[in-house]
Amino acid sequence: MIPELIKIGPIPIHSFGLMIALALFAGILRLQKSFQVNGINPAYADSIVFVTIFAGLIGARLWYIGENLRSLEGRYLEAIFSGSGFTFYGGFIVGFATILIMGRRYKLKLSSLLDSAGPTLALCYAIGRLGCQLSGDGDYGIATDSIWGMSYSTGVVPTPPGVLAYPTPLYESVASLLIMFILLKIETLPGFRRPFLRIGICVNLFSIERFLVEFIRINDRIAWGLSEAQIISIALFAISLCVIFWKKPLCCEGET
């Protein structure tokens, strides 16, 4: 793992921060292209991506702190500025809400905005997960003796020497890239132009990905042998199916 890439004088350049910067740059370029396909002014892309990524990181950190109030007691300030401690659905939900707020601010058509956002969300998440992998920030999976195991002993949240863990950030990064390619493939197909269909497919695929990867992650099981993320995944899977198969126009297809 390479938590710190280089130092420029007294200033360290961290791998996670570099990946977030890369996600910001790549996300803007990707959203500009999707906006062009969906009839939205590409000039809005930079501010939407910047604010959404920033808000998503805050949401992911606050959700993590909320989940770990007991273990973090007395160390809340340290947790806020720590190099580890992000929760997927905290970032996803806050980021999604931020997109809605930004769309309302710019008076964009909600269905076009959300359907445009899917590939960008997938790309930014894939790059962000590479940052988690490089920094070894504790998002890795359970211990394993299989050939798929990796050592995180030099990470921000190190594993004990000699202990291997599933590299779940890599799995999620690859899965997110596959989701992005699927969404890009259907972006221009006539059969997938119905409002909210593509964002429904995006949420559906992410809920499946997250549900499956949780089986080899170290998160606590809270009910029925499932983690909190898996329970949220089931709910989002059901909601996304309703969006995908709902044929009537939705009441919110106009401007946000």
Foldseek 3Di string as FASTA:
>chain_A
DFQFDDDDVPRTDGLLVVLLVVLLVVLLVQLLVLCVLLVHHSVLSNVLSVVLSVQLQQQQQVVQCVVCVPVCPPPSVVSNPAPAGGHNVRSVVRSVVSQQVSLQVVQHFVLSSLLSCLLSVLQSLLSSLVSCLNQVRQFFFDWDPDPQWDFQQVHSPGDPPPTTTHSLSNVSSVLSNVLSVVSVVCSNPPVQPPGPQNSLSSLLSVLVSQLVSQVGHDADADPPRGHPSNVVSVVSNVVSVCSNPVDDDDPRRGGD
